[in-house]
Structure formats: structure tokens, C-alpha cells
């Protein structure tokens, strides 16, 4: 063990500092690996929101359900890019169905 005496009050253990810096470097690498895996996480599932879209606008809701189902099957086969694209399609269809359904409900309620 190498010791470096700088003054009477400060004693620096060089071996301990080197070991701690190597531990910190390896923990930093692990943290970066965790960040990479979180960026490449699996796509989300839009089956439940597409069920709500079916209640708002039947044709668009069914199309959203089919797109979400295709995304689930693509994710299960490991094709995450295709799953993300199909999830985007499903999300757009869900939003359009919700807008059409809510505007139709507002128009209906305004005429009562």
C-alpha cells in the first residue's frame, strides 16, 4: 500500500483512491447501459384505448384495434420498429375516433 503524506494532517491513500475511481467508472458504465436499454424499451400497448375508440366511432375503433393487435404481434416476434409504427397508426386512429365521437355527442346534445 502506497501512502503519500502531504502534511501532518492529510494522509492520502493512493491505492484506495485508484480503487474508488475504478469503481465509479464501472458504475458510470452500468448507468449508461441502463439508459440505452430504457431508450430501446418495448413499445406500449394500445388495446384498451382502442376499445374506448370503438365506443366513440365504430369503424375507426375497429381499425385502431387491428393496428394495436398487429403491433402486439410484431412486438412478440421481436420487430420493434414495425410495432412502433403500428402503435402510431393506432394512436392516430384512437384520437380521431375520440374527436369524432365527442363532437357527434356534442352536436346531438345541442339539438335536444
PDB file of N, CA and C in Angstrom:
ATOM      1  N   UNK A   1       0.842  -1.152   0.000  1.00  0.00           N
ATOM      2  CA  UNK A   1       0.000   0.000   0.000  1.00  0.00           C
ATOM      3  C   UNK A   1       0.904   1.236   0.000  1.00  0.00           C
ATOM      4  N   UNK A   2       0.658   2.103  -0.981  1.00  0.00           N
ATOM      5  CA  UNK A   2       1.465   3.313  -1.091  1.00  0.00           C
ATOM      6  C   UNK A   2       0.742   4.453  -0.402  1.00  0.00           C
ATOM      7  N   UNK A   3       1.458   5.173   0.430  1.00  0.00           N
ATOM      8  CA  UNK A   3       0.887   6.317   1.129  1.00  0.00           C
ATOM      9  C   UNK A   3       1.676   7.551   0.747  1.00  0.00           C
ATOM     10  N   UNK A   4       0.941   8.602   0.556  1.00  0.00           N
ATOM     11  CA  UNK A   4       1.543   9.881   0.223  1.00  0.00           C
ATOM     12  C   UNK A   4       1.204  10.854   1.340  1.00  0.00           C
ATOM     13  N   UNK A   5       2.201  11.332   2.010  1.00  0.00           N
ATOM     14  CA  UNK A   5       1.974  12.240   3.125  1.00  0.00           C
ATOM     15  C   UNK A   5       2.179  13.655   2.609  1.00  0.00           C
ATOM     16  N   UNK A   6       1.092  14.403   2.601  1.00  0.00           N
ATOM     17  CA  UNK A   6       1.156  15.776   2.115  1.00  0.00           C
ATOM     18  C   UNK A   6       1.471  16.729   3.266  1.00  0.00           C
ATOM     19  N   UNK A   7       0.842  16.542   4.371  1.00  0.00           N
ATOM     20  CA  UNK A   7       1.147  17.327   5.567  1.00  0.00           C
ATOM     21  C   UNK A   7       0.913  16.433   6.770  1.00  0.00           C
ATOM     22  N   UNK A   8       1.054  16.972   7.926  1.00  0.00           N
ATOM     23  CA  UNK A   8       0.865  16.170   9.122  1.00  0.00           C
ATOM     24  C   UNK A   8      -0.589  15.749   9.296  1.00  0.00           C
ATOM     25  N   UNK A   9      -1.523  16.526   8.769  1.00  0.00           N
ATOM     26  CA  UNK A   9      -2.935  16.247   8.991  1.00  0.00           C
ATOM     27  C   UNK A   9      -3.573  15.483   7.841  1.00  0.00           C
ATOM     28  N   UNK A  10      -3.039  15.565   6.658  1.00  0.00           N
ATOM     29  CA  UNK A  10      -3.660  14.940   5.492  1.00  0.00           C
ATOM     30  C   UNK A  10      -2.811  13.769   5.033  1.00  0.00           C
ATOM     31  N   UNK A  11      -3.404  12.567   5.077  1.00  0.00           N
ATOM     32  CA  UNK A  11      -2.741  11.369   4.580  1.00  0.00           C
ATOM     33  C   UNK A  11      -3.624  10.807   3.461  1.00  0.00           C
ATOM     34  N   UNK A  12      -3.059  10.658   2.292  1.00  0.00           N
ATOM     35  CA  UNK A  12      -3.809  10.190   1.132  1.00  0.00           C
ATOM     36  C   UNK A  12      -3.376   8.771   0.807  1.00  0.00           C
ATOM     37  N   UNK A  13      -4.319   7.890   0.735  1.00  0.00           N
ATOM     38  CA  UNK A  13      -4.061   6.511   0.364  1.00  0.00           C
ATOM     39  C   UNK A  13      -4.284   6.389  -1.141  1.00  0.00           C
ATOM     40  N   UNK A  14      -3.226   6.332  -1.917  1.00  0.00           N
ATOM     41  CA  UNK A  14      -3.301   6.339  -3.372  1.00  0.00           C
ATOM     42  C   UNK A  14      -4.005   5.087  -3.897  1.00  0.00           C
ATOM     43  N   UNK A  15      -3.713   3.933  -3.330  1.00  0.00           N
ATOM     44  CA  UNK A  15      -4.349   2.695  -3.787  1.00  0.00           C
ATOM     45  C   UNK A  15      -5.859   2.745  -3.588  1.00  0.00           C
ATOM     46  N   UNK A  16      -6.285   3.279  -2.475  1.00  0.00           N
ATOM     47  CA  UNK A  16      -7.720   3.386  -2.196  1.00  0.00           C
ATOM     48  C   UNK A  16      -8.392   4.337  -3.179  1.00  0.00           C
ATOM     49  N   UNK A  17      -7.728   5.449  -3.501  1.00  0.00           N
ATOM     50  CA  UNK A  17      -8.287   6.387  -4.479  1.00  0.00           C
ATOM     51  C   UNK A  17      -8.402   5.760  -5.861  1.00  0.00           C
ATOM     52  N   UNK A  18      -7.400   5.009  -6.269  1.00  0.00           N
ATOM     53  CA  UNK A  18      -7.451   4.358  -7.573  1.00  0.00           C
ATOM     54  C   UNK A  18      -8.567   3.326  -7.615  1.00  0.00           C
ATOM     55  N   UNK A  19      -8.738   2.587  -6.517  1.00  0.00           N
ATOM     56  CA  UNK A  19      -9.796   1.574  -6.471  1.00  0.00           C
ATOM     57  C   UNK A  19     -11.163   2.240  -6.522  1.00  0.00           C
ATOM     58  N   UNK A  20     -11.336   3.345  -5.811  1.00  0.00           N
ATOM     59  CA  UNK A  20     -12.611   4.049  -5.825  1.00  0.00           C
ATOM     60  C   UNK A  20     -12.901   4.644  -7.196  1.00  0.00           C
ATOM     61  N   UNK A  21     -11.895   5.165  -7.880  1.00  0.00           N
ATOM     62  CA  UNK A  21     -12.127   5.740  -9.198  1.00  0.00           C
ATOM     63  C   UNK A  21     -12.494   4.649 -10.197  1.00  0.00           C
ATOM     64  N   UNK A  22     -11.902   3.462 -10.051  1.00  0.00           N
ATOM     65  CA  UNK A  22     -12.287   2.376 -10.961  1.00  0.00           C
ATOM     66  C   UNK A  22     -13.695   1.897 -10.654  1.00  0.00           C
ATOM     67  N   UNK A  23     -14.112   1.914  -9.400  1.00  0.00           N
ATOM     68  CA  UNK A  23     -15.485   1.540  -9.047  1.00  0.00           C
ATOM     69  C   UNK A  23     -16.454   2.568  -9.603  1.00  0.00           C
ATOM     70  N   UNK A  24     -16.130   3.847  -9.473  1.00  0.00           N
ATOM     71  CA  UNK A  24     -17.007   4.892 -10.004  1.00  0.00           C
ATOM     72  C   UNK A  24     -17.107   4.803 -11.518  1.00  0.00           C
ATOM     73  N   UNK A  25     -16.000   4.494 -12.189  1.00  0.00           N
ATOM     74  CA  UNK A  25     -16.029   4.368 -13.642  1.00  0.00           C
ATOM     75  C   UNK A  25     -16.910   3.200 -14.060  1.00  0.00           C
ATOM     76  N   UNK A  26     -16.837   2.074 -13.367  1.00  0.00           N
ATOM     77  CA  UNK A  26     -17.658   0.931 -13.745  1.00  0.00           C
ATOM     78  C   UNK A  26     -19.126   1.190 -13.446  1.00  0.00           C
ATOM     79  N   UNK A  27     -19.443   1.919 -12.371  1.00  0.00           N
ATOM     80  CA  UNK A  27     -20.838   2.237 -12.096  1.00  0.00           C
ATOM     81  C   UNK A  27     -21.377   3.215 -13.135  1.00  0.00           C
ATOM     82  N   UNK A  28     -20.529   4.103 -13.633  1.00  0.00           N
ATOM     83  CA  UNK A  28     -20.949   5.021 -14.691  1.00  0.00           C
ATOM     84  C   UNK A  28     -21.268   4.237 -15.964  1.00  0.00           C
ATOM     85  N   UNK A  29     -20.458   3.256 -16.282  1.00  0.00           N
ATOM     86  CA  UNK A  29     -20.714   2.435 -17.471  1.00  0.00           C
ATOM     87  C   UNK A  29     -22.024   1.680 -17.305  1.00  0.00           C
ATOM     88  N   UNK A  30     -22.274   1.152 -16.125  1.00  0.00           N
ATOM     89  CA  UNK A  30     -23.537   0.454 -15.892  1.00  0.00           C
ATOM     90  C   UNK A  30     -24.709   1.409 -16.048  1.00  0.00           C
ATOM     91  N   UNK A  31     -24.580   2.635 -15.575  1.00  0.00           N
ATOM     92  CA  UNK A  31     -25.652   3.618 -15.684  1.00  0.00           C
ATOM     93  C   UNK A  31     -25.934   3.954 -17.144  1.00  0.00           C
ATOM     94  N   UNK A  32     -24.894   4.100 -17.956  1.00  0.00           N
ATOM     95  CA  UNK A  32     -25.071   4.371 -19.378  1.00  0.00           C
ATOM     96  C   UNK A  32     -25.766   3.194 -20.050  1.00  0.00           C
ATOM     97  N   UNK A  33     -25.414   1.959 -19.671  1.00  0.00           N
ATOM     98  CA  UNK A  33     -26.083   0.798 -20.234  1.00  0.00           C
ATOM     99  C   UNK A  33     -27.566   0.789 -19.874  1.00  0.00           C
ATOM    100  N   UNK A  34     -27.895   1.193 -18.656  1.00  0.00           N
ATOM    101  CA  UNK A  34     -29.298   1.261 -18.253  1.00  0.00           C
ATOM    102  C   UNK A  34     -30.035   2.302 -19.074  1.00  0.00           C
ATOM    103  N   UNK A  35     -29.403   3.435 -19.354  1.00  0.00           N
ATOM    104  CA  UNK A  35     -30.033   4.453 -20.177  1.00  0.00           C
ATOM    105  C   UNK A  35     -30.282   3.955 -21.589  1.00  0.00           C
ATOM    106  N   UNK A  36     -29.341   3.222 -22.156  1.00  0.00           N
ATOM    107  CA  UNK A  36     -29.528   2.703 -23.501  1.00  0.00           C
ATOM    108  C   UNK A  36     -30.697   1.727 -23.549  1.00  0.00           C
ATOM    109  N   UNK A  37     -30.809   0.879 -22.548  1.00  0.00           N
ATOM    110  CA  UNK A  37     -31.909  -0.083 -22.567  1.00  0.00           C
ATOM    111  C   UNK A  37     -33.238   0.604 -22.346  1.00  0.00           C
ATOM    112  N   UNK A  38     -33.283   1.714 -21.586  1.00  0.00           N
ATOM    113  CA  UNK A  38     -34.560   2.393 -21.398  1.00  0.00           C
ATOM    114  C   UNK A  38     -34.979   3.116 -22.672  1.00  0.00           C
ATOM    115  N   UNK A  39     -34.029   3.601 -23.469  1.00  0.00           N
ATOM    116  CA  UNK A  39     -34.379   4.232 -24.734  1.00  0.00           C
ATOM    117  C   UNK A  39     -34.897   3.203 -25.732  1.00  0.00           C
ATOM    118  N   UNK A  40     -34.374   2.003 -25.671  1.00  0.00           N
ATOM    119  CA  UNK A  40     -34.773   0.965 -26.599  1.00  0.00           C
ATOM    120  C   UNK A  40     -35.829   0.047 -25.979  1.00  0.00           C
ATOM    121  N   UNK A  41     -36.680   0.608 -25.122  1.00  0.00           N
ATOM    122  CA  UNK A  41     -37.676  -0.200 -24.442  1.00  0.00           C
ATOM    123  C   UNK A  41     -38.764  -0.647 -25.424  1.00  0.00           C
ATOM    124  N   UNK A  42     -39.558  -1.589 -24.957  1.00  0.00           N
ATOM    125  CA  UNK A  42     -40.618  -2.122 -25.809  1.00  0.00           C
ATOM    126  C   UNK A  42     -41.699  -1.070 -26.011  1.00  0.00           C
ATOM    127  N   UNK A  43     -42.364  -1.111 -27.177  1.00  0.00           N
ATOM    128  CA  UNK A  43     -43.440  -0.157 -27.424  1.00  0.00           C
ATOM    129  C   UNK A  43     -44.639  -0.418 -26.509  1.00  0.00           C
ATOM    130  N   UNK A  44     -45.421   0.619 -26.288  1.00  0.00           N
ATOM    131  CA  UNK A  44     -46.572   0.493 -25.413  1.00  0.00           C
ATOM    132  C   UNK A  44     -47.713  -0.236 -26.114  1.00  0.00           C
ATOM    133  N   UNK A  45     -48.735  -0.577 -25.336  1.00  0.00           N
ATOM    134  CA  UNK A  45     -49.868  -1.348 -25.834  1.00  0.00           C
ATOM    135  C   UNK A  45     -51.099  -0.453 -25.879  1.00  0.00           C
ATOM    136  N   UNK A  46     -51.790  -0.378 -27.032  1.00  0.00           N
ATOM    137  CA  UNK A  46     -52.952   0.483 -27.195  1.00  0.00           C
ATOM    138  C   UNK A  46     -54.246  -0.303 -27.381  1.00  0.00           C
ATOM    139  N   UNK A  47     -54.330  -1.499 -26.837  1.00  0.00           N
ATOM    140  CA  UNK A  47     -55.559  -2.290 -26.985  1.00  0.00           C
ATOM    141  C   UNK A  47     -56.708  -1.665 -26.197  1.00  0.00           C
ATOM    142  N   UNK A  48     -56.479  -1.306 -24.951  1.00  0.00           N
ATOM    143  CA  UNK A  48     -57.561  -0.734 -24.119  1.00  0.00           C
ATOM    144  C   UNK A  48     -58.071   0.605 -24.662  1.00  0.00           C
ATOM    145  N   UNK A  49     -57.213   1.542 -25.037  1.00  0.00           N
ATOM    146  CA  UNK A  49     -57.740   2.779 -25.627  1.00  0.00           C
ATOM    147  C   UNK A  49     -58.474   2.548 -26.947  1.00  0.00           C
ATOM    148  N   UNK A  50     -58.076   1.538 -27.707  1.00  0.00           N
ATOM    149  CA  UNK A  50     -58.802   1.265 -28.946  1.00  0.00           C
ATOM    150  C   UNK A  50     -60.188   0.701 -28.647  1.00  0.00           C
ATOM    151  N   UNK A  51     -60.343   0.016 -27.518  1.00  0.00           N
ATOM    152  CA  UNK A  51     -61.682  -0.422 -27.100  1.00  0.00           C
ATOM    153  C   UNK A  51     -62.568   0.765 -26.792  1.00  0.00           C
ATOM    154  N   UNK A  52     -62.018   1.798 -26.185  1.00  0.00           N
ATOM    155  CA  UNK A  52     -62.768   3.027 -25.939  1.00  0.00           C
ATOM    156  C   UNK A  52     -63.094   3.721 -27.261  1.00  0.00           C
ATOM    157  N   UNK A  53     -62.178   3.661 -28.214  1.00  0.00           N
ATOM    158  CA  UNK A  53     -62.422   4.280 -29.519  1.00  0.00           C
ATOM    159  C   UNK A  53     -63.549   3.572 -30.265  1.00  0.00           C
ATOM    160  N   UNK A  54     -63.716   2.269 -30.036  1.00  0.00           N
ATOM    161  CA  UNK A  54     -64.829   1.536 -30.652  1.00  0.00           C
ATOM    162  C   UNK A  54     -66.156   2.101 -30.175  1.00  0.00           C
ATOM    163  N   UNK A  55     -66.218   2.482 -28.906  1.00  0.00           N
ATOM    164  CA  UNK A  55     -67.456   3.052 -28.378  1.00  0.00           C
ATOM    165  C   UNK A  55     -67.743   4.428 -28.966  1.00  0.00           C
ATOM    166  N   UNK A  56     -66.716   5.162 -29.346  1.00  0.00           N
ATOM    167  CA  UNK A  56     -66.905   6.512 -29.893  1.00  0.00           C
ATOM    168  C   UNK A  56     -67.208   6.496 -31.384  1.00  0.00           C
ATOM    169  N   UNK A  57     -66.460   5.736 -32.133  1.00  0.00           N
ATOM    170  CA  UNK A  57     -66.645   5.668 -33.585  1.00  0.00           C
ATOM    171  C   UNK A  57     -66.275   4.254 -34.020  1.00  0.00           C
ATOM    172  N   UNK A  58     -67.281   3.446 -34.327  1.00  0.00           N
ATOM    173  CA  UNK A  58     -67.088   2.016 -34.565  1.00  0.00           C
ATOM    174  C   UNK A  58     -66.060   1.701 -35.656  1.00  0.00           C
ATOM    175  N   UNK A  59     -66.157   2.288 -36.867  1.00  0.00           N
ATOM    176  CA  UNK A  59     -65.186   1.904 -37.911  1.00  0.00           C
ATOM    177  C   UNK A  59     -63.738   2.251 -37.558  1.00  0.00           C
ATOM    178  N   UNK A  60     -63.523   3.455 -37.051  1.00  0.00           N
ATOM    179  CA  UNK A  60     -62.150   3.849 -36.697  1.00  0.00           C
ATOM    180  C   UNK A  60     -61.648   3.070 -35.485  1.00  0.00           C
ATOM    181  N   UNK A  61     -62.550   2.756 -34.564  1.00  0.00           N
ATOM    182  CA  UNK A  61     -62.171   1.972 -33.400  1.00  0.00           C
ATOM    183  C   UNK A  61     -61.739   0.566 -33.770  1.00  0.00           C
ATOM    184  N   UNK A  62     -62.437  -0.028 -34.722  1.00  0.00           N
ATOM    185  CA  UNK A  62     -62.055  -1.378 -35.188  1.00  0.00           C
ATOM    186  C   UNK A  62     -60.703  -1.326 -35.885  1.00  0.00           C
ATOM    187  N   UNK A  63     -60.487  -0.298 -36.710  1.00  0.00           N
ATOM    188  CA  UNK A  63     -59.180  -0.158 -37.377  1.00  0.00           C
ATOM    189  C   UNK A  63     -58.068   0.061 -36.358  1.00  0.00           C
ATOM    190  N   UNK A  64     -58.353   0.835 -35.319  1.00  0.00           N
ATOM    191  CA  UNK A  64     -57.357   1.053 -34.270  1.00  0.00           C
ATOM    192  C   UNK A  64     -57.066  -0.239 -33.524  1.00  0.00           C
ATOM    193  N   UNK A  65     -58.114  -1.040 -33.281  1.00  0.00           N
ATOM    194  CA  UNK A  65     -57.927  -2.316 -32.594  1.00  0.00           C
ATOM    195  C   UNK A  65     -57.068  -3.261 -33.438  1.00  0.00           C
ATOM    196  N   UNK A  66     -57.303  -3.294 -34.732  1.00  0.00           N
ATOM    197  CA  UNK A  66     -56.494  -4.151 -35.616  1.00  0.00           C
ATOM    198  C   UNK A  66     -55.041  -3.682 -35.666  1.00  0.00           C
ATOM    199  N   UNK A  67     -54.835  -2.360 -35.716  1.00  0.00           N
ATOM    200  CA  UNK A  67     -53.463  -1.837 -35.729  1.00  0.00           C
ATOM    201  C   UNK A  67     -52.753  -2.141 -34.409  1.00  0.00           C
ATOM    202  N   UNK A  68     -53.457  -2.013 -33.287  1.00  0.00           N
ATOM    203  CA  UNK A  68     -52.859  -2.322 -31.985  1.00  0.00           C
ATOM    204  C   UNK A  68     -52.550  -3.810 -31.868  1.00  0.00           C
ATOM    205  N   UNK A  69     -53.434  -4.643 -32.414  1.00  0.00           N
ATOM    206  CA  UNK A  69     -53.188  -6.088 -32.380  1.00  0.00           C
ATOM    207  C   UNK A  69     -51.981  -6.456 -33.237  1.00  0.00           C
ATOM    208  N   UNK A  70     -51.850  -5.836 -34.403  1.00  0.00           N
ATOM    209  CA  UNK A  70     -50.682  -6.066 -35.246  1.00  0.00           C
ATOM    210  C   UNK A  70     -49.404  -5.615 -34.542  1.00  0.00           C
ATOM    211  N   UNK A  71     -49.489  -4.507 -33.794  1.00  0.00           N
ATOM    212  CA  UNK A  71     -48.324  -4.022 -33.042  1.00  0.00           C
ATOM    213  C   UNK A  71     -47.928  -5.024 -31.963  1.00  0.00           C
ATOM    214  N   UNK A  72     -48.911  -5.627 -31.307  1.00  0.00           N
ATOM    215  CA  UNK A  72     -48.610  -6.623 -30.270  1.00  0.00           C
ATOM    216  C   UNK A  72     -47.940  -7.844 -30.881  1.00  0.00           C
ATOM    217  N   UNK A  73     -48.450  -8.281 -32.025  1.00  0.00           N
ATOM    218  CA  UNK A  73     -47.855  -9.450 -32.691  1.00  0.00           C
ATOM    219  C   UNK A  73     -46.441  -9.141 -33.188  1.00  0.00           C
ATOM    220  N   UNK A  74     -46.227  -7.925 -33.678  1.00  0.00           N
ATOM    221  CA  UNK A  74     -44.887  -7.542 -34.137  1.00  0.00           C
ATOM    222  C   UNK A  74     -43.919  -7.463 -32.973  1.00  0.00           C
ATOM    223  N   UNK A  75     -44.388  -6.944 -31.847  1.00  0.00           N
ATOM    224  CA  UNK A  75     -43.537  -6.864 -30.657  1.00  0.00           C
ATOM    225  C   UNK A  75     -43.183  -8.254 -30.158  1.00  0.00           C
ATOM    226  N   UNK A  76     -44.151  -9.180 -30.219  1.00  0.00           N
ATOM    227  CA  UNK A  76     -43.892 -10.550 -29.766  1.00  0.00           C
ATOM    228  C   UNK A  76     -42.875 -11.248 -30.664  1.00  0.00           C
ATOM    229  N   UNK A  77     -42.886 -10.909 -31.952  1.00  0.00           N
ATOM    230  CA  UNK A  77     -41.920 -11.529 -32.869  1.00  0.00           C
ATOM    231  C   UNK A  77     -40.558 -10.836 -32.815  1.00  0.00           C
ATOM    232  N   UNK A  78     -40.470  -9.688 -32.110  1.00  0.00           N
ATOM    233  CA  UNK A  78     -39.189  -9.007 -31.953  1.00  0.00           C
ATOM    234  C   UNK A  78     -38.977  -7.840 -32.902  1.00  0.00           C
ATOM    235  N   UNK A  79     -39.952  -7.542 -33.754  1.00  0.00           N
ATOM    236  CA  UNK A  79     -39.830  -6.438 -34.703  1.00  0.00           C
ATOM    237  C   UNK A  79     -40.360  -5.158 -34.054  1.00  0.00           C
ATOM    238  N   UNK A  80     -39.514  -4.494 -33.268  1.00  0.00           N
ATOM    239  CA  UNK A  80     -39.952  -3.332 -32.505  1.00  0.00           C
ATOM    240  C   UNK A  80     -40.215  -2.113 -33.376  1.00  0.00           C
ATOM    241  N   UNK A  81     -39.518  -1.979 -34.504  1.00  0.00           N
ATOM    242  CA  UNK A  81     -39.765  -0.834 -35.388  1.00  0.00           C
ATOM    243  C   UNK A  81     -41.156  -0.901 -35.991  1.00  0.00           C
ATOM    244  N   UNK A  82     -41.542  -2.071 -36.469  1.00  0.00           N
ATOM    245  CA  UNK A  82     -42.880  -2.237 -37.030  1.00  0.00           C
ATOM    246  C   UNK A  82     -43.933  -2.049 -35.945  1.00  0.00           C
ATOM    247  N   UNK A  83     -43.648  -2.513 -34.735  1.00  0.00           N
ATOM    248  CA  UNK A  83     -44.591  -2.348 -33.634  1.00  0.00           C
ATOM    249  C   UNK A  83     -44.795  -0.872 -33.304  1.00  0.00           C
ATOM    250  N   UNK A  84     -43.713  -0.092 -33.318  1.00  0.00           N
ATOM    251  CA  UNK A  84     -43.848   1.337 -33.044  1.00  0.00           C
ATOM    252  C   UNK A  84     -44.654   2.042 -34.143  1.00  0.00           C
ATOM    253  N   UNK A  85     -44.444   1.654 -35.392  1.00  0.00           N
ATOM    254  CA  UNK A  85     -45.197   2.262 -36.491  1.00  0.00           C
ATOM    255  C   UNK A  85     -46.676   1.933 -36.380  1.00  0.00           C
ATOM    256  N   UNK A  86     -46.990   0.693 -36.077  1.00  0.00           N
ATOM    257  CA  UNK A  86     -48.393   0.293 -35.944  1.00  0.00           C
ATOM    258  C   UNK A  86     -49.029   0.948 -34.719  1.00  0.00           C
ATOM    259  N   UNK A  87     -48.256   1.137 -33.654  1.00  0.00           N
ATOM    260  CA  UNK A  87     -48.773   1.839 -32.484  1.00  0.00           C
ATOM    261  C   UNK A  87     -49.069   3.293 -32.801  1.00  0.00           C
ATOM    262  N   UNK A  88     -48.253   3.906 -33.643  1.00  0.00           N
ATOM    263  CA  UNK A  88     -48.503   5.280 -34.059  1.00  0.00           C
ATOM    264  C   UNK A  88     -49.789   5.369 -34.857  1.00  0.00           C
ATOM    265  N   UNK A  89     -49.999   4.412 -35.757  1.00  0.00           N
ATOM    266  CA  UNK A  89     -51.242   4.371 -36.536  1.00  0.00           C
ATOM    267  C   UNK A  89     -52.434   4.185 -35.602  1.00  0.00           C
ATOM    268  N   UNK A  90     -52.308   3.265 -34.662  1.00  0.00           N
ATOM    269  CA  UNK A  90     -53.394   3.015 -33.722  1.00  0.00           C
ATOM    270  C   UNK A  90     -53.694   4.264 -32.899  1.00  0.00           C
ATOM    271  N   UNK A  91     -52.666   4.960 -32.447  1.00  0.00           N
ATOM    272  CA  UNK A  91     -52.870   6.156 -31.635  1.00  0.00           C
ATOM    273  C   UNK A  91     -53.572   7.258 -32.425  1.00  0.00           C
ATOM    274  N   UNK A  92     -53.172   7.445 -33.670  1.00  0.00           N
ATOM    275  CA  UNK A  92     -53.821   8.459 -34.512  1.00  0.00           C
ATOM    276  C   UNK A  92     -55.293   8.093 -34.715  1.00  0.00           C
ATOM    277  N   UNK A  93     -55.582   6.827 -34.998  1.00  0.00           N
ATOM    278  CA  UNK A  93     -56.966   6.404 -35.186  1.00  0.00           C
ATOM    279  C   UNK A  93     -57.778   6.564 -33.909  1.00  0.00           C
ATOM    280  N   UNK A  94     -57.178   6.287 -32.782  1.00  0.00           N
ATOM    281  CA  UNK A  94     -57.873   6.448 -31.497  1.00  0.00           C
ATOM    282  C   UNK A  94     -58.226   7.911 -31.260  1.00  0.00           C
ATOM    283  N   UNK A  95     -57.282   8.804 -31.495  1.00  0.00           N
ATOM    284  CA  UNK A  95     -57.534  10.234 -31.278  1.00  0.00           C
ATOM    285  C   UNK A  95     -58.611  10.737 -32.223  1.00  0.00           C
ATOM    286  N   UNK A  96     -58.555  10.350 -33.486  1.00  0.00           N
ATOM    287  CA  UNK A  96     -59.563  10.786 -34.456  1.00  0.00           C
ATOM    288  C   UNK A  96     -60.936  10.234 -34.064  1.00  0.00           C
ATOM    289  N   UNK A  97     -60.987   8.974 -33.643  1.00  0.00           N
ATOM    290  CA  UNK A  97     -62.264   8.386 -33.228  1.00  0.00           C
ATOM    291  C   UNK A  97     -62.832   9.105 -32.009  1.00  0.00           C
ATOM    292  N   UNK A  98     -61.984   9.458 -31.057  1.00  0.00           N
ATOM    293  CA  UNK A  98     -62.455  10.180 -29.872  1.00  0.00           C
ATOM    294  C   UNK A  98     -62.957  11.579 -30.230  1.00  0.00           C
ATOM    295  N   UNK A  99     -62.278  12.239 -31.149  1.00  0.00           N
ATOM    296  CA  UNK A  99     -62.712  13.576 -31.566  1.00  0.00           C
ATOM    297  C   UNK A  99     -64.042  13.495 -32.305  1.00  0.00           C
ATOM    298  N   UNK A 100     -64.173  12.548 -33.211  1.00  0.00           N
ATOM    299  CA  UNK A 100     -65.433  12.393 -33.958  1.00  0.00           C
ATOM    300  C   UNK A 100     -66.565  12.001 -33.015  1.00  0.00           C
ATOM    301  N   UNK A 101     -66.299  11.067 -32.105  1.00  0.00           N
ATOM    302  CA  UNK A 101     -67.346  10.641 -31.181  1.00  0.00           C
ATOM    303  C   UNK A 101     -67.774  11.738 -30.232  1.00  0.00           C
ATOM    304  N   UNK A 102     -66.843  12.482 -29.699  1.00  0.00           N
ATOM    305  CA  UNK A 102     -67.208  13.554 -28.761  1.00  0.00           C
ATOM    306  C   UNK A 102     -67.887  14.714 -29.478  1.00  0.00           C
ATOM    307  N   UNK A 103     -67.446  15.051 -30.696  1.00  0.00           N
ATOM    308  CA  UNK A 103     -68.116  16.123 -31.439  1.00  0.00           C
ATOM    309  C   UNK A 103     -69.513  15.689 -31.868  1.00  0.00           C
ATOM    310  N   UNK A 104     -69.678  14.424 -32.234  1.00  0.00           N
ATOM    311  CA  UNK A 104     -71.015  13.916 -32.556  1.00  0.00           C
ATOM    312  C   UNK A 104     -71.941  13.953 -31.352  1.00  0.00           C
ATOM    313  N   UNK A 105     -71.405  13.625 -30.186  1.00  0.00           N
ATOM    314  CA  UNK A 105     -72.207  13.692 -28.968  1.00  0.00           C
ATOM    315  C   UNK A 105     -72.593  15.126 -28.648  1.00  0.00           C
ATOM    316  N   UNK A 106     -71.656  16.058 -28.815  1.00  0.00           N
ATOM    317  CA  UNK A 106     -71.977  17.473 -28.562  1.00  0.00           C
ATOM    318  C   UNK A 106     -73.033  17.992 -29.524  1.00  0.00           C
ATOM    319  N   UNK A 107     -72.938  17.613 -30.787  1.00  0.00           N
ATOM    320  CA  UNK A 107     -73.948  18.037 -31.771  1.00  0.00           C
ATOM    321  C   UNK A 107     -75.305  17.445 -31.423  1.00  0.00           C
ATOM    322  N   UNK A 108     -75.314  16.194 -31.034  1.00  0.00           N
ATOM    323  CA  UNK A 108     -76.579  15.541 -30.658  1.00  0.00           C
ATOM    324  C   UNK A 108     -77.195  16.209 -29.432  1.00  0.00           C
ATOM    325  N   UNK A 109     -76.380  16.500 -28.437  1.00  0.00           N
ATOM    326  CA  UNK A 109     -76.901  17.103 -27.214  1.00  0.00           C
ATOM    327  C   UNK A 109     -77.335  18.557 -27.417  1.00  0.00           C
ATOM    328  N   UNK A 110     -76.741  19.237 -28.385  1.00  0.00           N
ATOM    329  CA  UNK A 110     -77.135  20.627 -28.638  1.00  0.00           C
ATOM    330  C   UNK A 110     -78.490  20.730 -29.332  1.00  0.00           C
ATOM    331  N   UNK A 111     -78.926  19.650 -29.986  1.00  0.00           N
ATOM    332  CA  UNK A 111     -80.217  19.661 -30.677  1.00  0.00           C
ATOM    333  C   UNK A 111     -81.355  19.154 -29.813  1.00  0.00           C
ATOM    334  N   UNK A 112     -81.061  18.731 -28.625  1.00  0.00           N
ATOM    335  CA  UNK A 112     -82.137  18.212 -27.753  1.00  0.00           C
ATOM    336  C   UNK A 112     -82.857  19.330 -27.073  1.00  0.00           C
TER     337      UNK A 112
END
